[in-house]
Amino acid sequence: MDLATELRRLIKSLSREDGVFGRAFTVSDGSVPELVREVALEAERTWKQYAVPGATGPDTVSEIDRAISLAGREQAVKLMAYLAAEDLVFPGSPRRDRAHAHRTAERVAHLLGHRSVWHTNIDGLSPGVRGWSPVTRHTFDGVVAGTGEGFTVVLLQVGED
């Protein structure tokens, strides 16, 4: 299986739960903030019926760029697994097998290589403390994006309470 096909398959697996969106792109498709915005727009369109009326959020790529920051590989793997298996709105309510999500996230990071560069909008996910800079109009969102080996992957979870 070629790298593009495997990355798409893995990201599809990580984004199979309701409210989780993911894509694998080639680096020529755009910058990390542009690709995060593309996935965020998809989430906003798909989840528009759940959004709080009048809610606002980032509208431009530059706003997305300011909302995300660099993350280490290990942190990115943990965050990808969290976004795939846990619920940002109701922490402690697993949506799928955590071990499977972690193995899949590890495989994505491995395929992007040790020189991959990771970004997230999440500042912390410790019990009872979660911080993030929004990338969508939804009350809750979390994104992880990684670039390496000619590809960029984006995984985003949105939610409303």
N, C-alpha and C. Protein backbone atom coordinates (compact mmCIF):
# COMPACT_ATOMS: atom_id res chain seq x y z
N MET A 1 0.85 -1.17 0.00
CA MET A 1 0.00 0.00 0.00
C MET A 1 0.90 1.24 0.00
N ASP A 2 0.57 2.23 -0.84
CA ASP A 2 1.41 3.43 -0.87
C ASP A 2 1.09 4.33 0.32
N LEU A 3 1.99 5.27 0.58
CA LEU A 3 1.90 6.13 1.76
C LEU A 3 0.61 6.93 1.79
N ALA A 4 0.23 7.53 0.66
CA ALA A 4 -1.00 8.34 0.60
C ALA A 4 -2.22 7.51 0.96
N THR A 5 -2.31 6.33 0.40
CA THR A 5 -3.45 5.45 0.66
C THR A 5 -3.50 5.04 2.12
N GLU A 6 -2.34 4.70 2.68
CA GLU A 6 -2.33 4.27 4.08
C GLU A 6 -2.68 5.42 5.02
N LEU A 7 -2.14 6.61 4.76
CA LEU A 7 -2.48 7.76 5.61
C LEU A 7 -3.97 8.07 5.54
N ARG A 8 -4.54 8.03 4.36
CA ARG A 8 -5.99 8.29 4.22
C ARG A 8 -6.80 7.25 4.97
N ARG A 9 -6.40 6.00 4.88
CA ARG A 9 -7.10 4.91 5.59
C ARG A 9 -7.02 5.11 7.09
N LEU A 10 -5.84 5.45 7.59
CA LEU A 10 -5.67 5.63 9.03
C LEU A 10 -6.44 6.84 9.55
N ILE A 11 -6.39 7.95 8.82
CA ILE A 11 -7.12 9.15 9.24
C ILE A 11 -8.63 8.89 9.18
N LYS A 12 -9.07 8.15 8.19
CA LYS A 12 -10.49 7.78 8.13
C LYS A 12 -10.88 6.96 9.35
N SER A 13 -10.02 6.06 9.78
CA SER A 13 -10.28 5.26 10.97
C SER A 13 -10.35 6.15 12.21
N LEU A 14 -9.43 7.10 12.33
CA LEU A 14 -9.43 7.98 13.50
C LEU A 14 -10.64 8.91 13.52
N SER A 15 -11.19 9.21 12.37
CA SER A 15 -12.28 10.19 12.30
C SER A 15 -13.65 9.56 12.06
N ARG A 16 -13.81 8.32 12.46
CA ARG A 16 -15.08 7.64 12.17
C ARG A 16 -16.22 8.00 13.13
N GLU A 17 -15.90 8.57 14.29
CA GLU A 17 -16.94 8.91 15.26
C GLU A 17 -17.63 10.22 14.89
N ASP A 18 -18.86 10.37 15.36
CA ASP A 18 -19.64 11.57 15.10
C ASP A 18 -18.92 12.79 15.66
N GLY A 19 -18.78 13.82 14.85
CA GLY A 19 -18.13 15.05 15.29
C GLY A 19 -16.63 15.07 15.12
N VAL A 20 -16.06 13.99 14.56
CA VAL A 20 -14.62 13.93 14.33
C VAL A 20 -14.39 13.93 12.82
N PHE A 21 -13.53 14.83 12.38
CA PHE A 21 -13.26 15.03 10.95
C PHE A 21 -11.77 14.92 10.71
N GLY A 22 -11.39 14.26 9.63
CA GLY A 22 -9.98 14.12 9.34
C GLY A 22 -9.72 13.99 7.86
N ARG A 23 -8.55 14.47 7.47
CA ARG A 23 -8.14 14.37 6.07
C ARG A 23 -6.64 14.24 6.00
N ALA A 24 -6.18 13.59 4.94
CA ALA A 24 -4.76 13.53 4.60
C ALA A 24 -4.60 14.27 3.29
N PHE A 25 -3.65 15.20 3.25
CA PHE A 25 -3.40 16.04 2.08
C PHE A 25 -1.95 15.87 1.65
N THR A 26 -1.65 16.25 0.41
CA THR A 26 -0.26 16.42 0.03
C THR A 26 0.15 17.82 0.46
N VAL A 27 1.43 18.04 0.70
CA VAL A 27 1.86 19.36 1.16
C VAL A 27 1.59 20.44 0.11
N SER A 28 1.48 20.05 -1.14
CA SER A 28 1.17 21.03 -2.19
C SER A 28 -0.27 21.52 -2.12
N ASP A 29 -1.11 20.86 -1.30
CA ASP A 29 -2.51 21.29 -1.16
C ASP A 29 -2.64 22.56 -0.34
N GLY A 30 -1.61 22.93 0.42
CA GLY A 30 -1.67 24.17 1.18
C GLY A 30 -0.86 24.11 2.46
N SER A 31 -0.84 25.25 3.16
CA SER A 31 -0.14 25.33 4.44
C SER A 31 -0.98 24.66 5.52
N VAL A 32 -0.37 24.40 6.67
CA VAL A 32 -1.11 23.78 7.77
C VAL A 32 -2.34 24.63 8.14
N PRO A 33 -2.22 25.94 8.35
CA PRO A 33 -3.42 26.73 8.68
C PRO A 33 -4.50 26.66 7.59
N GLU A 34 -4.09 26.63 6.32
CA GLU A 34 -5.07 26.53 5.24
C GLU A 34 -5.81 25.19 5.29
N LEU A 35 -5.08 24.13 5.56
CA LEU A 35 -5.69 22.80 5.58
C LEU A 35 -6.54 22.60 6.82
N VAL A 36 -6.11 23.15 7.96
CA VAL A 36 -6.96 23.12 9.16
C VAL A 36 -8.25 23.87 8.88
N ARG A 37 -8.16 25.02 8.23
CA ARG A 37 -9.37 25.80 7.90
C ARG A 37 -10.28 25.00 6.99
N GLU A 38 -9.72 24.27 6.02
CA GLU A 38 -10.54 23.45 5.12
C GLU A 38 -11.33 22.39 5.90
N VAL A 39 -10.65 21.71 6.82
CA VAL A 39 -11.35 20.69 7.62
C VAL A 39 -12.34 21.35 8.57
N ALA A 40 -12.00 22.52 9.12
CA ALA A 40 -12.91 23.24 10.01
C ALA A 40 -14.18 23.65 9.26
N LEU A 41 -14.04 24.11 8.03
CA LEU A 41 -15.22 24.47 7.23
C LEU A 41 -16.11 23.26 6.97
N GLU A 42 -15.48 22.12 6.70
CA GLU A 42 -16.25 20.87 6.53
C GLU A 42 -17.03 20.55 7.80
N ALA A 43 -16.38 20.67 8.96
CA ALA A 43 -17.04 20.39 10.23
C ALA A 43 -18.18 21.38 10.48
N GLU A 44 -17.94 22.65 10.20
CA GLU A 44 -18.98 23.66 10.42
C GLU A 44 -20.19 23.42 9.52
N ARG A 45 -19.95 23.02 8.27
CA ARG A 45 -21.07 22.71 7.35
C ARG A 45 -21.83 21.49 7.84
N THR A 46 -21.10 20.45 8.21
CA THR A 46 -21.73 19.19 8.61
C THR A 46 -22.49 19.33 9.93
N TRP A 47 -21.95 20.12 10.85
CA TRP A 47 -22.53 20.26 12.19
C TRP A 47 -23.29 21.57 12.39
N LYS A 48 -23.67 22.25 11.32
CA LYS A 48 -24.30 23.56 11.47
C LYS A 48 -25.58 23.51 12.29
N GLN A 49 -26.30 22.40 12.25
CA GLN A 49 -27.55 22.30 13.01
C GLN A 49 -27.32 22.24 14.52
N TYR A 50 -26.09 21.94 14.94
CA TYR A 50 -25.77 21.85 16.37
C TYR A 50 -25.14 23.12 16.92
N ALA A 51 -24.69 24.01 16.05
CA ALA A 51 -23.98 25.21 16.49
C ALA A 51 -24.94 26.15 17.24
N VAL A 52 -24.40 26.84 18.21
CA VAL A 52 -25.17 27.84 18.94
C VAL A 52 -25.48 28.98 17.98
N PRO A 53 -26.76 29.39 17.89
CA PRO A 53 -27.10 30.49 16.98
C PRO A 53 -26.27 31.75 17.29
N GLY A 54 -25.72 32.34 16.26
CA GLY A 54 -24.91 33.54 16.42
C GLY A 54 -23.48 33.30 16.86
N ALA A 55 -23.09 32.04 17.02
CA ALA A 55 -21.73 31.74 17.46
C ALA A 55 -20.72 32.24 16.43
N THR A 56 -19.62 32.72 16.93
CA THR A 56 -18.56 33.19 16.04
C THR A 56 -17.28 32.42 16.31
N GLY A 57 -16.41 32.48 15.35
CA GLY A 57 -15.12 31.81 15.48
C GLY A 57 -14.20 32.31 14.40
N PRO A 58 -13.04 31.72 14.28
CA PRO A 58 -12.10 32.17 13.26
C PRO A 58 -12.70 32.08 11.86
N ASP A 59 -12.50 33.14 11.08
CA ASP A 59 -13.00 33.18 9.71
C ASP A 59 -11.90 33.17 8.66
N THR A 60 -10.67 33.36 9.11
CA THR A 60 -9.58 33.49 8.15
C THR A 60 -8.45 32.52 8.48
N VAL A 61 -7.63 32.28 7.48
CA VAL A 61 -6.46 31.42 7.67
C VAL A 61 -5.52 32.04 8.68
N SER A 62 -5.38 33.36 8.67
CA SER A 62 -4.47 34.00 9.64
C SER A 62 -4.98 33.83 11.07
N GLU A 63 -6.30 33.81 11.27
CA GLU A 63 -6.84 33.55 12.61
C GLU A 63 -6.56 32.12 13.04
N ILE A 64 -6.66 31.19 12.10
CA ILE A 64 -6.32 29.79 12.40
C ILE A 64 -4.84 29.69 12.74
N ASP A 65 -4.01 30.38 11.99
CA ASP A 65 -2.57 30.36 12.23
C ASP A 65 -2.25 30.83 13.65
N ARG A 66 -2.96 31.85 14.11
CA ARG A 66 -2.73 32.35 15.48
C ARG A 66 -3.28 31.40 16.54
N ALA A 67 -4.24 30.56 16.17
CA ALA A 67 -4.87 29.65 17.14
C ALA A 67 -4.08 28.37 17.36
N ILE A 68 -3.21 28.01 16.42
CA ILE A 68 -2.46 26.76 16.56
C ILE A 68 -1.01 27.06 16.93
N SER A 69 -0.41 26.09 17.61
CA SER A 69 0.99 26.24 17.99
C SER A 69 1.69 24.89 17.81
N LEU A 70 3.00 24.94 17.83
CA LEU A 70 3.78 23.72 17.66
C LEU A 70 3.56 22.75 18.81
N ALA A 71 3.59 21.48 18.48
CA ALA A 71 3.45 20.41 19.47
C ALA A 71 4.51 19.37 19.18
N GLY A 72 4.94 18.67 20.20
CA GLY A 72 5.88 17.57 20.01
C GLY A 72 5.17 16.34 19.47
N ARG A 73 5.95 15.43 18.93
CA ARG A 73 5.39 14.20 18.34
C ARG A 73 4.60 13.40 19.37
N GLU A 74 5.18 13.21 20.55
CA GLU A 74 4.50 12.42 21.59
C GLU A 74 3.17 13.06 22.00
N GLN A 75 3.19 14.38 22.18
CA GLN A 75 1.96 15.09 22.52
C GLN A 75 0.94 14.95 21.39
N ALA A 76 1.39 15.06 20.15
CA ALA A 76 0.48 14.95 19.00
C ALA A 76 -0.18 13.57 18.95
N VAL A 77 0.59 12.53 19.21
CA VAL A 77 0.03 11.17 19.21
C VAL A 77 -1.05 11.06 20.29
N LYS A 78 -0.75 11.55 21.49
CA LYS A 78 -1.73 11.51 22.58
C LYS A 78 -2.99 12.29 22.22
N LEU A 79 -2.81 13.46 21.63
CA LEU A 79 -3.97 14.28 21.26
C LEU A 79 -4.79 13.65 20.14
N MET A 80 -4.12 13.07 19.14
CA MET A 80 -4.87 12.38 18.08
C MET A 80 -5.69 11.24 18.65
N ALA A 81 -5.08 10.45 19.51
CA ALA A 81 -5.80 9.33 20.13
C ALA A 81 -6.96 9.85 20.96
N TYR A 82 -6.74 10.93 21.71
CA TYR A 82 -7.80 11.51 22.53
C TYR A 82 -8.96 11.99 21.65
N LEU A 83 -8.65 12.74 20.60
CA LEU A 83 -9.70 13.26 19.74
C LEU A 83 -10.49 12.14 19.06
N ALA A 84 -9.83 11.04 18.76
CA ALA A 84 -10.49 9.92 18.11
C ALA A 84 -11.33 9.09 19.08
N ALA A 85 -10.87 8.96 20.33
CA ALA A 85 -11.51 8.01 21.26
C ALA A 85 -12.33 8.66 22.36
N GLU A 86 -12.03 9.89 22.71
CA GLU A 86 -12.71 10.55 23.83
C GLU A 86 -13.67 11.63 23.33
N ASP A 87 -14.39 12.22 24.25
CA ASP A 87 -15.37 13.26 23.93
C ASP A 87 -14.93 14.56 24.59
N LEU A 88 -14.68 15.59 23.78
CA LEU A 88 -14.28 16.88 24.34
C LEU A 88 -15.35 17.48 25.24
N VAL A 89 -16.61 17.21 24.94
CA VAL A 89 -17.71 17.80 25.71
C VAL A 89 -17.91 17.07 27.02
N PHE A 90 -17.85 15.76 27.00
CA PHE A 90 -18.08 14.95 28.19
C PHE A 90 -16.86 14.07 28.47
N PRO A 91 -15.81 14.64 29.05
CA PRO A 91 -14.59 13.88 29.31
C PRO A 91 -14.87 12.63 30.15
N GLY A 92 -14.14 11.59 29.86
CA GLY A 92 -14.31 10.34 30.60
C GLY A 92 -15.37 9.44 29.99
N SER A 93 -15.95 9.87 28.86
CA SER A 93 -16.94 9.06 28.16
C SER A 93 -16.33 8.57 26.85
N PRO A 94 -15.59 7.45 26.91
CA PRO A 94 -14.92 6.98 25.70
C PRO A 94 -15.93 6.65 24.59
N ARG A 95 -15.55 7.01 23.38
CA ARG A 95 -16.40 6.80 22.21
C ARG A 95 -15.97 5.57 21.42
N ARG A 96 -14.75 5.13 21.68
CA ARG A 96 -14.22 3.95 20.98
C ARG A 96 -13.04 3.42 21.77
N ASP A 97 -12.49 2.34 21.33
CA ASP A 97 -11.37 1.70 22.01
C ASP A 97 -10.14 2.62 22.02
N ARG A 98 -9.70 2.98 23.22
CA ARG A 98 -8.57 3.91 23.37
C ARG A 98 -7.27 3.32 22.83
N ALA A 99 -7.04 2.05 23.10
CA ALA A 99 -5.80 1.40 22.67
C ALA A 99 -5.71 1.37 21.14
N HIS A 100 -6.82 1.07 20.48
CA HIS A 100 -6.83 1.07 19.02
C HIS A 100 -6.54 2.47 18.48
N ALA A 101 -7.17 3.48 19.06
CA ALA A 101 -6.94 4.86 18.62
C ALA A 101 -5.47 5.25 18.81
N HIS A 102 -4.88 4.84 19.93
CA HIS A 102 -3.48 5.17 20.19
C HIS A 102 -2.56 4.48 19.19
N ARG A 103 -2.81 3.21 18.91
CA ARG A 103 -1.98 2.48 17.93
C ARG A 103 -2.09 3.14 16.55
N THR A 104 -3.28 3.54 16.18
CA THR A 104 -3.49 4.18 14.88
C THR A 104 -2.77 5.53 14.83
N ALA A 105 -2.87 6.31 15.89
CA ALA A 105 -2.18 7.61 15.95
C ALA A 105 -0.67 7.41 15.88
N GLU A 106 -0.16 6.40 16.57
CA GLU A 106 1.27 6.08 16.52
C GLU A 106 1.70 5.75 15.09
N ARG A 107 0.88 5.00 14.41
CA ARG A 107 1.21 4.60 13.02
C ARG A 107 1.23 5.84 12.11
N VAL A 108 0.28 6.75 12.28
CA VAL A 108 0.26 7.99 11.49
C VAL A 108 1.56 8.77 11.73
N ALA A 109 1.92 8.93 12.99
CA ALA A 109 3.14 9.67 13.33
C ALA A 109 4.38 8.98 12.75
N HIS A 110 4.41 7.66 12.83
CA HIS A 110 5.53 6.90 12.26
C HIS A 110 5.64 7.13 10.76
N LEU A 111 4.51 7.10 10.06
CA LEU A 111 4.53 7.27 8.61
C LEU A 111 4.96 8.68 8.20
N LEU A 112 4.63 9.67 9.01
CA LEU A 112 5.05 11.04 8.70
C LEU A 112 6.52 11.27 9.02
N GLY A 113 7.11 10.38 9.79
CA GLY A 113 8.54 10.42 10.03
C GLY A 113 8.95 11.19 11.27
N HIS A 114 10.19 10.95 11.69
CA HIS A 114 10.73 11.57 12.90
C HIS A 114 10.97 13.07 12.73
N ARG A 115 11.03 13.53 11.51
CA ARG A 115 11.22 14.96 11.27
C ARG A 115 9.89 15.68 11.06
N SER A 116 8.79 14.98 11.29
CA SER A 116 7.48 15.60 11.10
C SER A 116 7.31 16.77 12.07
N VAL A 117 6.49 17.72 11.65
CA VAL A 117 6.19 18.92 12.44
C VAL A 117 4.71 18.89 12.77
N TRP A 118 4.40 19.10 14.04
CA TRP A 118 3.03 18.96 14.54
C TRP A 118 2.52 20.29 15.10
N HIS A 119 1.21 20.50 14.93
CA HIS A 119 0.53 21.70 15.45
C HIS A 119 -0.76 21.28 16.13
N THR A 120 -1.19 22.08 17.10
CA THR A 120 -2.47 21.85 17.76
C THR A 120 -3.00 23.18 18.30
N ASN A 121 -4.28 23.19 18.57
CA ASN A 121 -4.89 24.35 19.24
C ASN A 121 -5.14 24.04 20.71
N ILE A 122 -4.74 22.86 21.17
CA ILE A 122 -5.03 22.41 22.53
C ILE A 122 -3.85 22.74 23.44
N ASP A 123 -4.17 23.40 24.55
CA ASP A 123 -3.14 23.77 25.52
C ASP A 123 -2.97 22.72 26.61
N GLY A 124 -4.04 22.02 26.93
CA GLY A 124 -3.96 21.02 27.98
C GLY A 124 -5.20 20.16 28.01
N LEU A 125 -5.02 18.91 28.40
CA LEU A 125 -6.13 17.97 28.52
C LEU A 125 -6.04 17.18 29.82
N SER A 126 -5.56 17.79 30.87
CA SER A 126 -5.50 17.07 32.13
C SER A 126 -6.91 16.98 32.72
N PRO A 127 -7.15 16.02 33.61
CA PRO A 127 -8.49 15.87 34.18
C PRO A 127 -8.98 17.18 34.81
N GLY A 128 -10.14 17.60 34.36
CA GLY A 128 -10.76 18.81 34.91
C GLY A 128 -10.22 20.10 34.34
N VAL A 129 -9.16 20.04 33.54
CA VAL A 129 -8.59 21.25 32.96
C VAL A 129 -8.37 21.02 31.47
N ARG A 130 -9.08 21.78 30.66
CA ARG A 130 -8.89 21.69 29.22
C ARG A 130 -8.82 23.11 28.68
N GLY A 131 -7.84 23.37 27.86
CA GLY A 131 -7.70 24.68 27.28
C GLY A 131 -7.41 24.58 25.80
N TRP A 132 -7.98 25.50 25.03
CA TRP A 132 -7.75 25.50 23.60
C TRP A 132 -8.07 26.88 23.04
N SER A 133 -7.54 27.14 21.88
CA SER A 133 -7.87 28.33 21.10
C SER A 133 -8.76 27.85 19.96
N PRO A 134 -9.96 28.40 19.82
CA PRO A 134 -10.91 27.85 18.84
C PRO A 134 -10.42 27.96 17.39
N VAL A 135 -10.78 26.94 16.62
CA VAL A 135 -10.55 26.95 15.18
C VAL A 135 -11.86 26.84 14.40
N THR A 136 -12.99 26.72 15.13
CA THR A 136 -14.32 26.65 14.52
C THR A 136 -15.27 27.56 15.30
N ARG A 137 -16.53 27.59 14.86
CA ARG A 137 -17.57 28.33 15.57
C ARG A 137 -18.23 27.50 16.67
N HIS A 138 -17.80 26.26 16.82
CA HIS A 138 -18.42 25.38 17.81
C HIS A 138 -17.87 25.67 19.20
N THR A 139 -18.68 25.34 20.21
CA THR A 139 -18.30 25.60 21.59
C THR A 139 -17.02 24.86 21.96
N PHE A 140 -16.90 23.63 21.49
CA PHE A 140 -15.73 22.80 21.77
C PHE A 140 -15.08 22.40 20.45
N ASP A 141 -13.78 22.52 20.37
CA ASP A 141 -13.06 21.95 19.23
C ASP A 141 -11.62 21.68 19.63
N GLY A 142 -11.07 20.69 18.98
CA GLY A 142 -9.67 20.35 19.18
C GLY A 142 -9.12 19.84 17.86
N VAL A 143 -7.91 20.29 17.51
CA VAL A 143 -7.32 19.88 16.24
C VAL A 143 -5.85 19.52 16.46
N VAL A 144 -5.40 18.55 15.69
CA VAL A 144 -3.99 18.18 15.59
C VAL A 144 -3.69 18.07 14.11
N ALA A 145 -2.57 18.65 13.69
CA ALA A 145 -2.14 18.57 12.30
C ALA A 145 -0.65 18.27 12.28
N GLY A 146 -0.27 17.36 11.40
CA GLY A 146 1.14 17.00 11.27
C GLY A 146 1.58 16.99 9.83
N THR A 147 2.81 17.41 9.59
CA THR A 147 3.37 17.44 8.23
C THR A 147 4.69 16.68 8.21
N GLY A 148 4.81 15.81 7.21
CA GLY A 148 6.05 15.07 7.01
C GLY A 148 5.94 14.16 5.80
N GLU A 149 7.09 13.82 5.23
CA GLU A 149 7.15 12.90 4.08
C GLU A 149 6.26 13.34 2.92
N GLY A 150 6.04 14.67 2.79
CA GLY A 150 5.26 15.19 1.67
C GLY A 150 3.76 15.23 1.91
N PHE A 151 3.34 14.96 3.14
CA PHE A 151 1.91 14.93 3.45
C PHE A 151 1.60 15.76 4.69
N THR A 152 0.36 16.20 4.78
CA THR A 152 -0.16 16.84 5.99
C THR A 152 -1.44 16.11 6.37
N VAL A 153 -1.56 15.75 7.65
CA VAL A 153 -2.80 15.15 8.16
C VAL A 153 -3.43 16.13 9.15
N VAL A 154 -4.76 16.15 9.15
CA VAL A 154 -5.51 17.01 10.06
C VAL A 154 -6.60 16.16 10.70
N LEU A 155 -6.70 16.23 12.04
CA LEU A 155 -7.75 15.55 12.77
C LEU A 155 -8.41 16.57 13.68
N LEU A 156 -9.73 16.74 13.57
CA LEU A 156 -10.48 17.76 14.29
C LEU A 156 -11.71 17.14 14.92
N GLN A 157 -11.96 17.47 16.18
CA GLN A 157 -13.22 17.10 16.83
C GLN A 157 -13.95 18.38 17.19
N VAL A 158 -15.26 18.42 16.93
CA VAL A 158 -16.11 19.53 17.36
C VAL A 158 -17.21 18.98 18.23
N GLY A 159 -17.76 19.84 19.10
CA GLY A 159 -18.85 19.39 19.95
C GLY A 159 -19.62 20.55 20.53
N GLU A 160 -20.80 20.25 20.98
CA GLU A 160 -21.69 21.21 21.62
C GLU A 160 -22.30 20.56 22.84
N ASP A 161 -22.53 21.35 23.85
CA ASP A 161 -23.23 20.84 25.03
C ASP A 161 -24.58 21.49 25.09
